[in-house]
Amino acid sequence: MAFTATGDPRVERLIEGELEALVQLARRHFSRLVCVLLAGSFGRGEGSVRVRGERIEPLKDYDLFLVGEDPAEARRIPAFRQAAE
């Protein structure tokens, strides 16, 4: 899946790695997590990045929807957000 229109495999690998880290973090915070959905510009393959030499910087955040089986786990969202920053 392409997250940007850059066509640069380095950009796609970086974003994929960051998203995978967020999914792993979500799994640690939410024991009954069913899935994580990526929406917004990166979900549509239109994410914006700045590439300066070897430095790659996403210009926007990732819009994630976390779907779980236990509504009581929603109280953990603030801690997840803080850990994800």
N, C-alpha and C. Protein backbone atom coordinates (compact mmCIF):
# COMPACT_ATOMS: atom_id res chain seq x y z
N MET A 1 0.84 -1.18 0.00
CA MET A 1 0.00 0.00 0.00
C MET A 1 0.89 1.24 0.00
N ALA A 2 0.55 2.21 -0.80
CA ALA A 2 1.28 3.48 -0.83
C ALA A 2 0.60 4.45 0.13
N PHE A 3 1.39 5.13 0.94
CA PHE A 3 0.88 6.11 1.89
C PHE A 3 1.01 7.53 1.36
N THR A 4 1.86 7.70 0.34
CA THR A 4 2.09 9.02 -0.27
C THR A 4 2.12 8.86 -1.78
N ALA A 5 2.18 9.97 -2.47
CA ALA A 5 2.30 9.95 -3.93
C ALA A 5 3.75 10.14 -4.37
N THR A 6 4.70 10.08 -3.44
CA THR A 6 6.10 10.35 -3.77
C THR A 6 6.72 9.29 -4.67
N GLY A 7 6.28 8.05 -4.52
CA GLY A 7 6.92 6.96 -5.25
C GLY A 7 8.28 6.58 -4.69
N ASP A 8 8.64 7.16 -3.56
CA ASP A 8 9.94 6.92 -2.95
C ASP A 8 9.82 5.76 -1.94
N PRO A 9 10.47 4.64 -2.21
CA PRO A 9 10.35 3.50 -1.29
C PRO A 9 10.88 3.80 0.11
N ARG A 10 11.83 4.72 0.24
CA ARG A 10 12.33 5.09 1.57
C ARG A 10 11.23 5.74 2.40
N VAL A 11 10.44 6.57 1.75
CA VAL A 11 9.34 7.25 2.43
C VAL A 11 8.30 6.22 2.88
N GLU A 12 7.94 5.34 1.99
CA GLU A 12 6.93 4.33 2.31
C GLU A 12 7.39 3.42 3.45
N ARG A 13 8.66 3.02 3.44
CA ARG A 13 9.20 2.16 4.52
C ARG A 13 9.19 2.89 5.85
N LEU A 14 9.56 4.17 5.84
CA LEU A 14 9.56 4.94 7.08
C LEU A 14 8.15 5.02 7.67
N ILE A 15 7.19 5.36 6.83
CA ILE A 15 5.81 5.49 7.31
C ILE A 15 5.28 4.14 7.77
N GLU A 16 5.55 3.10 7.01
CA GLU A 16 5.11 1.77 7.42
C GLU A 16 5.69 1.40 8.78
N GLY A 17 6.96 1.71 9.00
CA GLY A 17 7.59 1.43 10.28
C GLY A 17 6.96 2.21 11.43
N GLU A 18 6.68 3.49 11.19
CA GLU A 18 6.04 4.31 12.22
C GLU A 18 4.64 3.79 12.54
N LEU A 19 3.91 3.40 11.52
CA LEU A 19 2.56 2.87 11.74
C LEU A 19 2.62 1.53 12.49
N GLU A 20 3.57 0.69 12.14
CA GLU A 20 3.71 -0.59 12.83
C GLU A 20 4.03 -0.36 14.31
N ALA A 21 4.86 0.62 14.60
CA ALA A 21 5.18 0.95 16.00
C ALA A 21 3.92 1.42 16.73
N LEU A 22 3.08 2.20 16.07
CA LEU A 22 1.84 2.66 16.69
C LEU A 22 0.88 1.49 16.94
N VAL A 23 0.82 0.56 16.01
CA VAL A 23 -0.04 -0.62 16.20
C VAL A 23 0.45 -1.45 17.38
N GLN A 24 1.76 -1.65 17.48
CA GLN A 24 2.31 -2.39 18.61
C GLN A 24 2.01 -1.67 19.93
N LEU A 25 2.13 -0.35 19.93
CA LEU A 25 1.80 0.43 21.12
C LEU A 25 0.33 0.26 21.48
N ALA A 26 -0.54 0.30 20.49
CA ALA A 26 -1.97 0.11 20.72
C ALA A 26 -2.25 -1.28 21.30
N ARG A 27 -1.57 -2.28 20.80
CA ARG A 27 -1.76 -3.65 21.33
C ARG A 27 -1.37 -3.73 22.80
N ARG A 28 -0.34 -2.97 23.19
CA ARG A 28 0.07 -2.99 24.59
C ARG A 28 -0.94 -2.24 25.48
N HIS A 29 -1.60 -1.23 24.94
CA HIS A 29 -2.54 -0.43 25.74
C HIS A 29 -3.95 -1.03 25.78
N PHE A 30 -4.32 -1.75 24.74
CA PHE A 30 -5.70 -2.23 24.63
C PHE A 30 -5.69 -3.74 24.43
N SER A 31 -6.03 -4.48 25.47
CA SER A 31 -5.95 -5.95 25.42
C SER A 31 -7.00 -6.58 24.51
N ARG A 32 -8.08 -5.86 24.25
CA ARG A 32 -9.15 -6.43 23.42
C ARG A 32 -9.27 -5.69 22.09
N LEU A 33 -8.13 -5.25 21.57
CA LEU A 33 -8.09 -4.54 20.29
C LEU A 33 -8.43 -5.49 19.15
N VAL A 34 -9.33 -5.07 18.28
CA VAL A 34 -9.74 -5.89 17.14
C VAL A 34 -8.97 -5.47 15.89
N CYS A 35 -8.91 -4.17 15.63
CA CYS A 35 -8.18 -3.69 14.45
C CYS A 35 -7.85 -2.22 14.59
N VAL A 36 -6.92 -1.78 13.77
CA VAL A 36 -6.54 -0.38 13.69
C VAL A 36 -6.73 0.04 12.23
N LEU A 37 -7.51 1.09 12.03
CA LEU A 37 -7.79 1.59 10.68
C LEU A 37 -7.06 2.90 10.46
N LEU A 38 -6.41 3.01 9.32
CA LEU A 38 -5.73 4.24 8.94
C LEU A 38 -6.63 5.04 8.01
N ALA A 39 -6.93 6.27 8.40
CA ALA A 39 -7.80 7.14 7.60
C ALA A 39 -7.00 8.38 7.20
N GLY A 40 -7.68 9.39 6.74
CA GLY A 40 -7.04 10.65 6.40
C GLY A 40 -6.15 10.54 5.17
N SER A 41 -5.27 11.51 5.03
CA SER A 41 -4.46 11.60 3.81
C SER A 41 -3.53 10.39 3.64
N PHE A 42 -2.93 9.90 4.72
CA PHE A 42 -2.05 8.74 4.59
C PHE A 42 -2.86 7.48 4.27
N GLY A 43 -4.07 7.39 4.78
CA GLY A 43 -4.95 6.26 4.46
C GLY A 43 -5.38 6.26 3.00
N ARG A 44 -5.46 7.45 2.41
CA ARG A 44 -5.84 7.56 0.99
C ARG A 44 -4.64 7.49 0.05
N GLY A 45 -3.43 7.40 0.62
CA GLY A 45 -2.24 7.40 -0.21
C GLY A 45 -1.82 8.78 -0.66
N GLU A 46 -2.27 9.81 0.07
CA GLU A 46 -1.99 11.20 -0.29
C GLU A 46 -1.22 11.93 0.81
N GLY A 47 -0.56 11.19 1.69
CA GLY A 47 0.15 11.81 2.81
C GLY A 47 1.25 12.74 2.33
N SER A 48 1.48 13.80 3.09
CA SER A 48 2.50 14.79 2.75
C SER A 48 3.76 14.55 3.57
N VAL A 49 4.89 14.59 2.89
CA VAL A 49 6.17 14.43 3.57
C VAL A 49 7.15 15.46 3.01
N ARG A 50 8.16 15.75 3.82
CA ARG A 50 9.26 16.60 3.38
C ARG A 50 10.50 15.73 3.36
N VAL A 51 11.18 15.71 2.22
CA VAL A 51 12.41 14.93 2.08
C VAL A 51 13.55 15.91 1.86
N ARG A 52 14.50 15.87 2.77
CA ARG A 52 15.70 16.72 2.67
C ARG A 52 16.90 15.81 2.79
N GLY A 53 17.45 15.44 1.67
CA GLY A 53 18.57 14.49 1.68
C GLY A 53 18.10 13.15 2.21
N GLU A 54 18.69 12.73 3.30
CA GLU A 54 18.30 11.46 3.92
C GLU A 54 17.20 11.62 4.97
N ARG A 55 16.87 12.86 5.30
CA ARG A 55 15.85 13.11 6.32
C ARG A 55 14.46 13.13 5.70
N ILE A 56 13.57 12.33 6.28
CA ILE A 56 12.18 12.24 5.81
C ILE A 56 11.28 12.62 6.98
N GLU A 57 10.39 13.56 6.74
CA GLU A 57 9.53 14.07 7.81
C GLU A 57 8.07 14.12 7.34
N PRO A 58 7.21 13.28 7.94
CA PRO A 58 5.77 13.41 7.64
C PRO A 58 5.29 14.79 8.09
N LEU A 59 4.49 15.45 7.26
CA LEU A 59 4.04 16.80 7.57
C LEU A 59 2.72 16.84 8.32
N LYS A 60 2.06 15.72 8.42
CA LYS A 60 0.79 15.66 9.15
C LYS A 60 0.83 14.44 10.05
N ASP A 61 -0.16 14.38 10.93
CA ASP A 61 -0.24 13.22 11.80
C ASP A 61 -0.98 12.07 11.11
N TYR A 62 -1.00 10.92 11.78
CA TYR A 62 -1.72 9.76 11.27
C TYR A 62 -3.09 9.71 11.93
N ASP A 63 -4.12 9.57 11.12
CA ASP A 63 -5.49 9.48 11.64
C ASP A 63 -5.82 8.00 11.80
N LEU A 64 -5.85 7.56 13.06
CA LEU A 64 -6.10 6.15 13.35
C LEU A 64 -7.43 5.98 14.05
N PHE A 65 -8.13 4.92 13.69
CA PHE A 65 -9.32 4.49 14.40
C PHE A 65 -8.99 3.16 15.04
N LEU A 66 -9.16 3.08 16.36
CA LEU A 66 -8.91 1.84 17.09
C LEU A 66 -10.26 1.20 17.36
N VAL A 67 -10.40 -0.06 16.97
CA VAL A 67 -11.65 -0.78 17.17
C VAL A 67 -11.37 -1.89 18.18
N GLY A 68 -12.17 -1.90 19.24
CA GLY A 68 -11.97 -2.90 20.28
C GLY A 68 -13.27 -3.54 20.71
N GLU A 69 -13.15 -4.61 21.46
CA GLU A 69 -14.32 -5.34 21.94
C GLU A 69 -14.85 -4.82 23.27
N ASP A 70 -14.03 -4.10 24.02
CA ASP A 70 -14.41 -3.68 25.37
C ASP A 70 -14.49 -2.16 25.46
N PRO A 71 -15.70 -1.60 25.51
CA PRO A 71 -15.83 -0.14 25.58
C PRO A 71 -15.14 0.45 26.82
N ALA A 72 -14.98 -0.32 27.87
CA ALA A 72 -14.34 0.19 29.08
C ALA A 72 -12.87 0.55 28.82
N GLU A 73 -12.26 -0.03 27.80
CA GLU A 73 -10.86 0.28 27.49
C GLU A 73 -10.70 1.69 26.92
N ALA A 74 -11.79 2.35 26.58
CA ALA A 74 -11.70 3.72 26.06
C ALA A 74 -11.04 4.65 27.07
N ARG A 75 -11.11 4.32 28.34
CA ARG A 75 -10.47 5.17 29.36
C ARG A 75 -8.96 5.19 29.21
N ARG A 76 -8.40 4.26 28.45
CA ARG A 76 -6.96 4.19 28.25
C ARG A 76 -6.47 5.07 27.07
N ILE A 77 -7.40 5.67 26.36
CA ILE A 77 -7.04 6.47 25.19
C ILE A 77 -6.09 7.61 25.54
N PRO A 78 -6.33 8.40 26.60
CA PRO A 78 -5.38 9.48 26.91
C PRO A 78 -3.95 8.97 27.13
N ALA A 79 -3.80 7.86 27.81
CA ALA A 79 -2.45 7.32 28.03
C ALA A 79 -1.82 6.86 26.72
N PHE A 80 -2.63 6.28 25.84
CA PHE A 80 -2.13 5.86 24.53
C PHE A 80 -1.67 7.08 23.73
N ARG A 81 -2.47 8.13 23.72
CA ARG A 81 -2.11 9.35 22.98
C ARG A 81 -0.79 9.93 23.49
N GLN A 82 -0.66 9.98 24.81
CA GLN A 82 0.56 10.53 25.39
C GLN A 82 1.77 9.66 25.03
N ALA A 83 1.62 8.35 25.08
CA ALA A 83 2.73 7.46 24.73
C ALA A 83 3.08 7.54 23.26
N ALA A 84 2.10 7.84 22.41
CA ALA A 84 2.32 7.87 20.96
C ALA A 84 3.02 9.15 20.51
N GLU A 85 3.05 10.16 21.34
CA GLU A 85 3.66 11.44 20.93
C GLU A 85 5.17 11.37 20.89
